[in-house]
């Protein structure tokens, strides 16, 4: 088969350039800043959890409004596996059968349900490129943030919104890939987790 080399090379270079443009860019050292107010947002995407060499995958939709954080974990077909919500009263999880689990903190609840702590209470802060205030932190030479027992890295879309958030600890890795994240207004925002009513 005869190939027209100049056109083939041109198309290949164009495809590589387009692919490079589509790749998220890592958020370097300058990508982290001190914690400040977090704007309300709605996000959706996919998550992967790996613990003890075993992995689980799911979709998520996540809202943060009026300091109420709700994360729905869904199957690829859209069925809800569970919901996790944090508000001023603590943390609440609801499974797909409607059973509720409560605790004063996300750490306590995740240890109770999973056997290891998941830092849900800090996800919205790290996703927005901030370190948790009044807590020790370190920014590594490669631009990753270390805080508590977690190493956190982010990559961003061209418009500066998060594309990937990766959290790693000795026991667990949690990867969120964002399909979209947008600011929302706080009109009619909930004052507590909807599952409390």
N, C-alpha and C. Protein backbone atom coordinates (compact mmCIF):
# COMPACT_ATOMS: atom_id res chain seq x y z
N UNK A 1 0.84 -1.18 0.00
CA UNK A 1 0.00 0.00 0.00
C UNK A 1 0.89 1.24 0.00
N UNK A 2 0.61 2.12 -0.90
CA UNK A 2 1.42 3.33 -1.03
C UNK A 2 0.84 4.43 -0.14
N UNK A 3 1.72 5.09 0.64
CA UNK A 3 1.29 6.16 1.53
C UNK A 3 1.86 7.47 1.04
N UNK A 4 1.04 8.49 1.05
CA UNK A 4 1.51 9.82 0.71
C UNK A 4 2.17 10.39 1.98
N UNK A 5 3.50 10.24 2.05
CA UNK A 5 4.24 10.54 3.27
C UNK A 5 4.05 11.97 3.80
N UNK A 6 4.16 13.02 2.97
CA UNK A 6 4.00 14.36 3.53
C UNK A 6 2.63 14.56 4.20
N UNK A 7 1.55 14.10 3.53
CA UNK A 7 0.22 14.26 4.13
C UNK A 7 0.10 13.42 5.40
N UNK A 8 0.62 12.20 5.35
CA UNK A 8 0.55 11.31 6.52
C UNK A 8 1.27 11.94 7.71
N UNK A 9 2.47 12.49 7.46
CA UNK A 9 3.24 13.13 8.53
C UNK A 9 2.51 14.36 9.05
N UNK A 10 1.94 15.16 8.14
CA UNK A 10 1.20 16.35 8.54
C UNK A 10 0.01 15.98 9.42
N UNK A 11 -0.77 14.97 9.00
CA UNK A 11 -1.92 14.53 9.80
C UNK A 11 -1.48 13.97 11.15
N UNK A 12 -0.38 13.23 11.15
CA UNK A 12 0.12 12.65 12.40
C UNK A 12 0.55 13.75 13.37
N UNK A 13 1.27 14.76 12.87
CA UNK A 13 1.71 15.86 13.71
C UNK A 13 0.49 16.62 14.24
N UNK A 14 -0.48 16.87 13.36
CA UNK A 14 -1.70 17.57 13.79
C UNK A 14 -2.43 16.79 14.87
N UNK A 15 -2.52 15.48 14.69
CA UNK A 15 -3.20 14.64 15.69
C UNK A 15 -2.46 14.67 17.02
N UNK A 16 -1.12 14.62 16.97
CA UNK A 16 -0.34 14.67 18.21
C UNK A 16 -0.51 16.02 18.90
N UNK A 17 -0.52 17.11 18.15
CA UNK A 17 -0.71 18.42 18.74
C UNK A 17 -2.08 18.55 19.38
N UNK A 18 -3.10 18.05 18.69
CA UNK A 18 -4.45 18.09 19.27
C UNK A 18 -4.52 17.25 20.53
N UNK A 19 -3.90 16.08 20.51
CA UNK A 19 -3.90 15.23 21.69
C UNK A 19 -3.17 15.91 22.84
N UNK A 20 -2.06 16.58 22.54
CA UNK A 20 -1.31 17.27 23.59
C UNK A 20 -2.15 18.40 24.18
N UNK A 21 -2.89 19.11 23.33
CA UNK A 21 -3.74 20.20 23.83
C UNK A 21 -4.85 19.66 24.72
N UNK A 22 -5.32 18.48 24.44
CA UNK A 22 -6.43 17.92 25.20
C UNK A 22 -6.00 17.35 26.55
N UNK A 23 -4.70 17.14 26.71
CA UNK A 23 -4.22 16.56 27.96
C UNK A 23 -4.30 17.58 29.09
N UNK A 24 -4.74 17.15 30.27
CA UNK A 24 -4.75 18.08 31.39
C UNK A 24 -3.33 18.46 31.78
N UNK A 25 -3.17 19.67 32.26
CA UNK A 25 -1.84 20.11 32.67
C UNK A 25 -1.71 19.96 34.18
N UNK A 26 -0.56 19.49 34.65
CA UNK A 26 -0.37 19.34 36.09
C UNK A 26 -0.39 20.70 36.77
N UNK A 27 -0.96 20.74 37.95
CA UNK A 27 -0.91 21.96 38.76
C UNK A 27 0.37 21.89 39.57
N UNK A 28 1.31 22.74 39.28
CA UNK A 28 2.61 22.72 39.95
C UNK A 28 2.55 23.37 41.32
N UNK A 29 3.74 23.74 41.83
CA UNK A 29 3.83 24.33 43.16
C UNK A 29 2.94 25.56 43.29
N UNK A 30 2.88 26.35 42.21
CA UNK A 30 2.07 27.56 42.26
C UNK A 30 0.58 27.25 42.23
N UNK A 31 0.23 25.99 42.01
CA UNK A 31 -1.18 25.59 41.95
C UNK A 31 -1.82 25.42 43.32
N UNK A 32 -1.03 25.48 44.39
CA UNK A 32 -1.58 25.33 45.75
C UNK A 32 -1.52 26.66 46.48
N UNK A 33 -2.56 26.93 47.26
CA UNK A 33 -2.61 28.17 48.04
C UNK A 33 -3.30 27.91 49.37
N UNK A 34 -3.24 28.89 50.26
CA UNK A 34 -3.85 28.75 51.58
C UNK A 34 -5.37 28.67 51.46
N UNK A 35 -5.98 27.95 52.36
CA UNK A 35 -7.43 27.78 52.34
C UNK A 35 -8.14 29.11 52.53
N UNK A 36 -9.14 29.32 51.69
CA UNK A 36 -10.01 30.49 51.80
C UNK A 36 -11.43 30.01 51.52
N UNK A 37 -12.36 30.93 51.36
CA UNK A 37 -13.73 30.53 51.08
C UNK A 37 -13.79 29.73 49.78
N UNK A 38 -14.61 28.68 49.78
CA UNK A 38 -14.81 27.85 48.60
C UNK A 38 -16.15 28.22 47.99
N UNK A 39 -16.16 28.54 46.70
CA UNK A 39 -17.41 28.83 46.02
C UNK A 39 -18.25 27.56 45.92
N UNK A 40 -19.57 27.75 45.92
CA UNK A 40 -20.46 26.60 45.71
C UNK A 40 -20.21 26.02 44.33
N UNK A 41 -20.29 24.70 44.21
CA UNK A 41 -20.06 24.07 42.91
C UNK A 41 -20.87 22.78 42.78
N UNK A 42 -20.97 22.36 41.54
CA UNK A 42 -21.53 21.04 41.21
C UNK A 42 -20.53 20.38 40.28
N UNK A 43 -20.26 19.11 40.52
CA UNK A 43 -19.27 18.38 39.70
C UNK A 43 -19.78 16.98 39.45
N UNK A 44 -19.27 16.39 38.39
CA UNK A 44 -19.56 14.98 38.12
C UNK A 44 -18.38 14.36 37.40
N UNK A 45 -18.29 13.05 37.50
CA UNK A 45 -17.19 12.35 36.87
C UNK A 45 -17.12 10.91 37.31
N UNK A 46 -15.90 10.39 37.34
CA UNK A 46 -15.67 8.99 37.70
C UNK A 46 -14.67 8.91 38.83
N UNK A 47 -14.80 7.89 39.64
CA UNK A 47 -13.83 7.72 40.71
C UNK A 47 -13.33 6.28 40.75
N UNK A 48 -12.12 6.14 41.23
CA UNK A 48 -11.51 4.82 41.38
C UNK A 48 -10.86 4.78 42.77
N UNK A 49 -11.11 3.71 43.48
CA UNK A 49 -10.53 3.50 44.80
C UNK A 49 -9.72 2.23 44.75
N UNK A 50 -8.50 2.28 45.26
CA UNK A 50 -7.65 1.10 45.30
C UNK A 50 -7.14 0.91 46.72
N UNK A 51 -7.44 -0.25 47.28
CA UNK A 51 -6.99 -0.58 48.64
C UNK A 51 -6.59 -2.05 48.66
N UNK A 52 -5.43 -2.33 49.24
CA UNK A 52 -4.94 -3.72 49.33
C UNK A 52 -4.94 -4.41 47.98
N UNK A 53 -4.46 -3.71 46.96
CA UNK A 53 -4.33 -4.23 45.60
C UNK A 53 -5.67 -4.56 44.94
N UNK A 54 -6.78 -4.14 45.54
CA UNK A 54 -8.10 -4.35 44.94
C UNK A 54 -8.68 -2.99 44.59
N UNK A 55 -9.32 -2.92 43.42
CA UNK A 55 -9.86 -1.66 42.97
C UNK A 55 -11.36 -1.69 42.78
N UNK A 56 -11.99 -0.53 42.93
CA UNK A 56 -13.41 -0.35 42.67
C UNK A 56 -13.57 0.92 41.85
N UNK A 57 -14.57 0.91 40.98
CA UNK A 57 -14.81 2.05 40.10
C UNK A 57 -16.28 2.42 40.16
N UNK A 58 -16.58 3.69 40.01
CA UNK A 58 -17.96 4.17 40.01
C UNK A 58 -18.00 5.56 39.40
N UNK A 59 -19.19 6.04 39.18
CA UNK A 59 -19.40 7.42 38.79
C UNK A 59 -19.79 8.22 40.02
N UNK A 60 -19.65 9.53 39.95
CA UNK A 60 -20.07 10.35 41.08
C UNK A 60 -20.71 11.63 40.58
N UNK A 61 -21.60 12.18 41.39
CA UNK A 61 -21.99 13.57 41.25
C UNK A 61 -21.90 14.19 42.63
N UNK A 62 -21.44 15.43 42.67
CA UNK A 62 -20.99 16.04 43.91
C UNK A 62 -21.44 17.49 43.93
N UNK A 63 -22.08 17.89 45.01
CA UNK A 63 -22.44 19.30 45.19
C UNK A 63 -21.86 19.81 46.50
N UNK A 64 -21.47 21.07 46.46
CA UNK A 64 -21.01 21.77 47.66
C UNK A 64 -21.71 23.11 47.67
N UNK A 65 -22.67 23.26 48.59
CA UNK A 65 -23.44 24.50 48.69
C UNK A 65 -23.69 24.80 50.15
N UNK A 66 -23.50 26.06 50.52
CA UNK A 66 -23.81 26.48 51.88
C UNK A 66 -23.11 25.60 52.92
N UNK A 67 -21.89 25.17 52.59
CA UNK A 67 -21.07 24.30 53.42
C UNK A 67 -21.71 22.93 53.67
N UNK A 68 -22.63 22.54 52.80
CA UNK A 68 -23.19 21.19 52.81
C UNK A 68 -22.62 20.48 51.59
N UNK A 69 -21.96 19.36 51.84
CA UNK A 69 -21.27 18.61 50.80
C UNK A 69 -21.98 17.28 50.61
N UNK A 70 -22.46 17.01 49.40
CA UNK A 70 -23.17 15.77 49.11
C UNK A 70 -22.51 15.08 47.93
N UNK A 71 -22.14 13.82 48.11
CA UNK A 71 -21.53 13.03 47.05
C UNK A 71 -22.39 11.79 46.83
N UNK A 72 -22.93 11.65 45.62
CA UNK A 72 -23.67 10.46 45.23
C UNK A 72 -22.72 9.56 44.45
N UNK A 73 -22.67 8.30 44.81
CA UNK A 73 -21.84 7.33 44.11
C UNK A 73 -22.78 6.44 43.31
N UNK A 74 -22.55 6.36 41.99
CA UNK A 74 -23.47 5.69 41.08
C UNK A 74 -22.77 4.62 40.25
N UNK A 75 -23.55 3.65 39.80
CA UNK A 75 -23.04 2.66 38.85
C UNK A 75 -22.90 3.35 37.49
N UNK A 76 -22.17 2.73 36.55
CA UNK A 76 -22.09 3.31 35.20
C UNK A 76 -23.46 3.47 34.54
N UNK A 77 -24.45 2.68 34.97
CA UNK A 77 -25.80 2.79 34.40
C UNK A 77 -26.64 3.85 35.10
N UNK A 78 -26.10 4.48 36.14
CA UNK A 78 -26.79 5.57 36.80
C UNK A 78 -27.53 5.21 38.07
N UNK A 79 -27.49 3.95 38.47
CA UNK A 79 -28.14 3.56 39.73
C UNK A 79 -27.28 4.03 40.90
N UNK A 80 -27.93 4.58 41.92
CA UNK A 80 -27.20 5.09 43.08
C UNK A 80 -26.77 3.95 43.99
N UNK A 81 -25.47 3.88 44.26
CA UNK A 81 -24.93 2.88 45.19
C UNK A 81 -25.00 3.41 46.62
N UNK A 82 -24.85 4.71 46.76
CA UNK A 82 -24.90 5.31 48.09
C UNK A 82 -24.68 6.80 48.01
N UNK A 83 -24.95 7.45 49.12
CA UNK A 83 -24.77 8.89 49.22
C UNK A 83 -24.02 9.20 50.50
N UNK A 84 -23.11 10.14 50.41
CA UNK A 84 -22.36 10.60 51.57
C UNK A 84 -22.59 12.10 51.67
N UNK A 85 -22.96 12.56 52.85
CA UNK A 85 -23.24 13.98 53.02
C UNK A 85 -22.60 14.47 54.31
N UNK A 86 -22.02 15.67 54.25
CA UNK A 86 -21.41 16.31 55.41
C UNK A 86 -22.03 17.69 55.58
N UNK A 87 -22.46 17.99 56.80
CA UNK A 87 -22.98 19.31 57.11
C UNK A 87 -22.53 19.70 58.51
N UNK A 88 -23.10 20.73 59.07
CA UNK A 88 -22.69 21.21 60.38
C UNK A 88 -22.97 20.23 61.51
N UNK A 89 -23.82 19.24 61.28
CA UNK A 89 -24.16 18.26 62.30
C UNK A 89 -23.27 17.02 62.27
N UNK A 90 -22.47 16.87 61.23
CA UNK A 90 -21.61 15.70 61.11
C UNK A 90 -21.70 15.10 59.73
N UNK A 91 -21.53 13.79 59.66
CA UNK A 91 -21.50 13.08 58.38
C UNK A 91 -22.56 12.00 58.39
N UNK A 92 -23.19 11.83 57.24
CA UNK A 92 -24.28 10.88 57.08
C UNK A 92 -24.07 10.11 55.79
N UNK A 93 -24.19 8.80 55.85
CA UNK A 93 -24.12 7.97 54.65
C UNK A 93 -25.44 7.21 54.53
N UNK A 94 -25.89 7.05 53.29
CA UNK A 94 -27.12 6.30 53.02
C UNK A 94 -26.78 5.29 51.94
N UNK A 95 -27.07 4.00 52.19
CA UNK A 95 -26.79 2.99 51.17
C UNK A 95 -27.96 2.88 50.20
N UNK A 96 -27.83 2.00 49.21
CA UNK A 96 -28.84 1.90 48.16
C UNK A 96 -30.16 1.28 48.65
N UNK A 97 -30.18 0.79 49.87
CA UNK A 97 -31.42 0.27 50.45
C UNK A 97 -32.07 1.29 51.39
N UNK A 98 -31.44 2.46 51.53
CA UNK A 98 -31.99 3.50 52.37
C UNK A 98 -31.52 3.47 53.81
N UNK A 99 -30.64 2.54 54.16
CA UNK A 99 -30.12 2.47 55.53
C UNK A 99 -29.14 3.61 55.76
N UNK A 100 -29.29 4.28 56.93
CA UNK A 100 -28.46 5.44 57.25
C UNK A 100 -27.40 5.09 58.28
N UNK A 101 -26.22 5.70 58.10
CA UNK A 101 -25.10 5.56 59.02
C UNK A 101 -24.64 6.98 59.35
N UNK A 102 -24.41 7.26 60.65
CA UNK A 102 -24.03 8.60 61.05
C UNK A 102 -22.79 8.58 61.93
N UNK A 103 -22.05 9.69 61.88
CA UNK A 103 -20.88 9.86 62.74
C UNK A 103 -20.60 11.36 62.85
N UNK A 104 -19.78 11.71 63.82
CA UNK A 104 -19.44 13.12 64.02
C UNK A 104 -18.47 13.62 62.96
N UNK A 105 -17.66 12.72 62.37
CA UNK A 105 -16.68 13.14 61.37
C UNK A 105 -16.60 12.12 60.25
N UNK A 106 -16.10 12.58 59.10
CA UNK A 106 -15.92 11.69 57.95
C UNK A 106 -14.91 10.60 58.27
N UNK A 107 -13.89 10.94 59.01
CA UNK A 107 -12.87 9.95 59.39
C UNK A 107 -13.50 8.81 60.18
N UNK A 108 -14.31 9.19 61.17
CA UNK A 108 -14.96 8.19 62.03
C UNK A 108 -15.91 7.31 61.22
N UNK A 109 -16.69 7.92 60.34
CA UNK A 109 -17.66 7.15 59.55
C UNK A 109 -16.97 6.23 58.56
N UNK A 110 -15.95 6.74 57.86
CA UNK A 110 -15.27 5.89 56.87
C UNK A 110 -14.53 4.74 57.54
N UNK A 111 -13.96 4.97 58.72
CA UNK A 111 -13.32 3.87 59.45
C UNK A 111 -14.36 2.83 59.87
N UNK A 112 -15.52 3.30 60.29
CA UNK A 112 -16.60 2.42 60.70
C UNK A 112 -17.10 1.56 59.53
N UNK A 113 -17.27 2.18 58.36
CA UNK A 113 -17.85 1.47 57.22
C UNK A 113 -16.81 0.74 56.36
N UNK A 114 -15.62 1.33 56.23
CA UNK A 114 -14.63 0.79 55.29
C UNK A 114 -13.42 0.17 55.97
N UNK A 115 -13.18 0.54 57.21
CA UNK A 115 -12.00 0.02 57.90
C UNK A 115 -10.79 0.91 57.76
N UNK A 116 -10.89 2.02 57.03
CA UNK A 116 -9.80 2.97 56.90
C UNK A 116 -10.39 4.36 56.65
N UNK A 117 -9.65 5.41 57.03
CA UNK A 117 -10.20 6.77 56.89
C UNK A 117 -10.11 7.29 55.46
N UNK A 118 -11.18 7.92 55.00
CA UNK A 118 -11.21 8.61 53.71
C UNK A 118 -11.44 10.10 54.02
N UNK A 119 -10.60 10.99 53.54
CA UNK A 119 -10.64 12.40 53.95
C UNK A 119 -11.72 13.22 53.23
N UNK A 120 -12.95 12.76 53.32
CA UNK A 120 -14.05 13.44 52.63
C UNK A 120 -14.15 14.91 53.05
N UNK A 121 -13.89 15.19 54.32
CA UNK A 121 -14.05 16.55 54.82
C UNK A 121 -13.08 17.54 54.19
N UNK A 122 -12.03 17.04 53.51
CA UNK A 122 -11.05 17.94 52.89
C UNK A 122 -11.11 17.92 51.36
N UNK A 123 -11.92 17.05 50.76
CA UNK A 123 -11.91 16.91 49.31
C UNK A 123 -12.20 18.22 48.58
N UNK A 124 -13.19 18.97 49.06
CA UNK A 124 -13.54 20.21 48.37
C UNK A 124 -12.40 21.23 48.46
N UNK A 125 -11.63 21.18 49.52
CA UNK A 125 -10.50 22.11 49.69
C UNK A 125 -9.38 21.73 48.73
N UNK A 126 -8.98 20.46 48.74
CA UNK A 126 -7.89 20.01 47.86
C UNK A 126 -8.27 20.11 46.39
N UNK A 127 -9.52 19.81 46.07
CA UNK A 127 -9.96 19.91 44.68
C UNK A 127 -9.80 21.33 44.16
N UNK A 128 -10.00 22.30 45.03
CA UNK A 128 -9.88 23.70 44.64
C UNK A 128 -8.46 24.24 44.78
N UNK A 129 -7.48 23.35 44.95
CA UNK A 129 -6.08 23.77 44.95
C UNK A 129 -5.62 24.46 46.21
N UNK A 130 -6.22 24.11 47.34
CA UNK A 130 -5.88 24.74 48.60
C UNK A 130 -5.42 23.69 49.60
N UNK A 131 -4.58 24.13 50.55
CA UNK A 131 -4.25 23.25 51.66
C UNK A 131 -5.15 23.62 52.83
N UNK A 132 -5.39 22.66 53.70
CA UNK A 132 -6.27 22.87 54.86
C UNK A 132 -5.57 23.80 55.83
N UNK A 133 -6.25 24.87 56.21
CA UNK A 133 -5.63 25.86 57.09
C UNK A 133 -5.45 25.30 58.50
N UNK A 134 -4.52 25.89 59.21
CA UNK A 134 -4.21 25.53 60.60
C UNK A 134 -3.80 24.06 60.75
N UNK A 135 -3.20 23.51 59.71
CA UNK A 135 -2.70 22.13 59.75
C UNK A 135 -1.37 22.09 58.99
N UNK A 136 -0.41 21.30 59.46
CA UNK A 136 0.88 21.22 58.76
C UNK A 136 0.69 20.72 57.32
N UNK A 137 1.52 21.23 56.44
CA UNK A 137 1.50 20.79 55.04
C UNK A 137 2.89 20.97 54.46
N UNK A 138 3.11 20.32 53.32
CA UNK A 138 4.38 20.46 52.61
C UNK A 138 4.08 20.36 51.13
N UNK A 139 4.73 21.21 50.33
CA UNK A 139 4.63 21.09 48.88
C UNK A 139 5.93 20.46 48.40
N UNK A 140 5.81 19.31 47.77
CA UNK A 140 6.98 18.54 47.33
C UNK A 140 7.60 19.19 46.09
N UNK A 141 8.86 18.87 45.79
CA UNK A 141 9.52 19.45 44.61
C UNK A 141 8.77 19.22 43.30
N UNK A 142 8.02 18.11 43.21
CA UNK A 142 7.27 17.84 41.98
C UNK A 142 5.91 18.52 41.95
N UNK A 143 5.60 19.34 42.98
CA UNK A 143 4.36 20.09 42.98
C UNK A 143 3.21 19.43 43.70
N UNK A 144 3.41 18.21 44.22
CA UNK A 144 2.34 17.56 44.97
C UNK A 144 2.28 18.12 46.38
N UNK A 145 1.09 18.06 46.95
CA UNK A 145 0.86 18.53 48.31
C UNK A 145 0.86 17.34 49.25
N UNK A 146 1.51 17.47 50.39
CA UNK A 146 1.43 16.47 51.45
C UNK A 146 0.74 17.12 52.64
N UNK A 147 -0.34 16.47 53.08
CA UNK A 147 -1.03 16.96 54.25
C UNK A 147 -1.70 15.79 54.95
N UNK A 148 -1.63 15.82 56.29
CA UNK A 148 -2.06 14.68 57.08
C UNK A 148 -1.29 13.47 56.57
N UNK A 149 -1.89 12.33 56.34
CA UNK A 149 -1.13 11.18 55.82
C UNK A 149 -1.29 11.01 54.32
N UNK A 150 -1.71 12.09 53.62
CA UNK A 150 -2.04 12.00 52.20
C UNK A 150 -1.06 12.79 51.34
N UNK A 151 -0.80 12.26 50.14
CA UNK A 151 -0.08 12.99 49.10
C UNK A 151 -1.10 13.27 48.01
N UNK A 152 -1.26 14.54 47.65
CA UNK A 152 -2.33 14.95 46.76
C UNK A 152 -1.74 15.60 45.52
N UNK A 153 -2.23 15.18 44.36
CA UNK A 153 -1.83 15.83 43.11
C UNK A 153 -3.09 16.17 42.32
N UNK A 154 -2.97 17.21 41.52
CA UNK A 154 -4.08 17.67 40.69
C UNK A 154 -3.59 17.92 39.28
N UNK A 155 -4.47 17.74 38.32
CA UNK A 155 -4.21 18.26 36.98
C UNK A 155 -5.44 19.06 36.59
N UNK A 156 -5.22 20.04 35.74
CA UNK A 156 -6.26 21.00 35.40
C UNK A 156 -6.57 20.98 33.92
N UNK A 157 -7.79 21.35 33.58
CA UNK A 157 -8.16 21.61 32.20
C UNK A 157 -7.59 22.96 31.79
N UNK A 158 -7.66 23.25 30.51
CA UNK A 158 -7.13 24.52 30.00
C UNK A 158 -7.81 25.72 30.65
N UNK A 159 -9.08 25.57 31.04
CA UNK A 159 -9.80 26.69 31.65
C UNK A 159 -9.56 26.81 33.15
N UNK A 160 -8.68 25.95 33.70
CA UNK A 160 -8.31 26.04 35.11
C UNK A 160 -9.17 25.21 36.04
N UNK A 161 -10.20 24.55 35.50
CA UNK A 161 -11.03 23.68 36.35
C UNK A 161 -10.32 22.35 36.57
N UNK A 162 -10.61 21.67 37.67
CA UNK A 162 -9.94 20.40 37.95
C UNK A 162 -10.29 19.34 36.91
N UNK A 163 -9.30 18.57 36.52
CA UNK A 163 -9.52 17.42 35.63
C UNK A 163 -9.33 16.12 36.41
N UNK A 164 -8.23 16.04 37.19
CA UNK A 164 -7.95 14.83 37.98
C UNK A 164 -7.48 15.25 39.36
N UNK A 165 -8.01 14.59 40.37
CA UNK A 165 -7.53 14.74 41.74
C UNK A 165 -7.13 13.34 42.20
N UNK A 166 -5.87 13.21 42.64
CA UNK A 166 -5.35 11.91 43.08
C UNK A 166 -4.86 12.05 44.51
N UNK A 167 -5.41 11.20 45.38
CA UNK A 167 -5.00 11.15 46.78
C UNK A 167 -4.37 9.79 47.04
N UNK A 168 -3.21 9.80 47.67
CA UNK A 168 -2.51 8.54 47.96
C UNK A 168 -2.06 8.52 49.40
N UNK A 169 -2.30 7.37 50.05
CA UNK A 169 -1.78 7.14 51.39
C UNK A 169 -1.14 5.75 51.39
N UNK A 170 -0.64 5.33 52.53
CA UNK A 170 0.01 4.02 52.61
C UNK A 170 -0.98 2.89 52.34
N UNK A 171 -2.27 3.10 52.66
CA UNK A 171 -3.25 2.04 52.53
C UNK A 171 -4.20 2.18 51.36
N UNK A 172 -4.30 3.38 50.80
CA UNK A 172 -5.39 3.65 49.88
C UNK A 172 -5.00 4.68 48.84
N UNK A 173 -5.55 4.53 47.64
CA UNK A 173 -5.47 5.62 46.65
C UNK A 173 -6.88 5.89 46.14
N UNK A 174 -7.17 7.17 45.96
CA UNK A 174 -8.47 7.62 45.50
C UNK A 174 -8.24 8.58 44.35
N UNK A 175 -8.85 8.27 43.20
CA UNK A 175 -8.66 9.08 42.00
C UNK A 175 -10.02 9.55 41.51
N UNK A 176 -10.19 10.86 41.39
CA UNK A 176 -11.40 11.45 40.84
C UNK A 176 -11.07 12.08 39.50
N UNK A 177 -11.81 11.70 38.47
CA UNK A 177 -11.65 12.28 37.14
C UNK A 177 -12.93 13.08 36.87
N UNK A 178 -12.77 14.37 36.69
CA UNK A 178 -13.93 15.26 36.55
C UNK A 178 -14.32 15.39 35.09
N UNK A 179 -15.59 15.09 34.80
CA UNK A 179 -16.13 15.37 33.47
C UNK A 179 -16.53 16.83 33.38
N UNK A 180 -17.02 17.37 34.49
CA UNK A 180 -17.31 18.80 34.54
C UNK A 180 -17.38 19.27 35.98
N UNK A 181 -17.11 20.56 36.15
CA UNK A 181 -17.24 21.21 37.45
C UNK A 181 -17.60 22.65 37.18
N UNK A 182 -18.70 23.10 37.78
CA UNK A 182 -19.15 24.47 37.54
C UNK A 182 -19.62 25.10 38.83
N UNK A 183 -19.49 26.42 38.89
CA UNK A 183 -19.98 27.16 40.05
C UNK A 183 -21.50 27.16 40.03
N UNK A 184 -22.09 27.16 41.22
CA UNK A 184 -23.54 27.24 41.34
C UNK A 184 -23.88 28.39 42.27
N UNK A 185 -25.12 28.85 42.21
CA UNK A 185 -25.51 29.90 43.14
C UNK A 185 -26.09 29.26 44.39
N UNK A 186 -26.19 30.04 45.43
CA UNK A 186 -26.62 29.50 46.72
C UNK A 186 -28.09 29.76 47.01
N UNK A 187 -28.83 30.26 46.03
CA UNK A 187 -30.26 30.45 46.21
C UNK A 187 -30.91 29.09 46.45
N UNK A 188 -31.69 28.98 47.49
CA UNK A 188 -32.34 27.73 47.86
C UNK A 188 -31.37 26.61 48.20
N UNK A 189 -30.14 26.97 48.58
CA UNK A 189 -29.16 25.94 48.96
C UNK A 189 -29.58 25.30 50.28
N UNK A 190 -29.33 24.01 50.44
CA UNK A 190 -29.73 23.34 51.68
C UNK A 190 -28.91 23.80 52.87
N UNK A 191 -29.53 23.78 54.04
CA UNK A 191 -28.83 24.14 55.27
C UNK A 191 -28.31 22.90 55.98
N UNK A 192 -28.77 21.71 55.53
CA UNK A 192 -28.30 20.44 56.10
C UNK A 192 -28.45 19.36 55.04
N UNK A 193 -27.94 18.19 55.34
CA UNK A 193 -28.05 17.06 54.43
C UNK A 193 -29.53 16.72 54.20
N UNK A 194 -29.91 16.55 52.94
CA UNK A 194 -31.30 16.24 52.62
C UNK A 194 -31.75 14.95 53.28
N UNK A 195 -30.83 14.00 53.46
CA UNK A 195 -31.19 12.69 54.04
C UNK A 195 -31.53 12.79 55.52
N UNK A 196 -31.28 13.93 56.16
CA UNK A 196 -31.62 14.07 57.59
C UNK A 196 -33.12 14.28 57.79
N UNK A 197 -33.81 14.75 56.75
CA UNK A 197 -35.24 15.03 56.93
C UNK A 197 -36.10 13.79 56.75
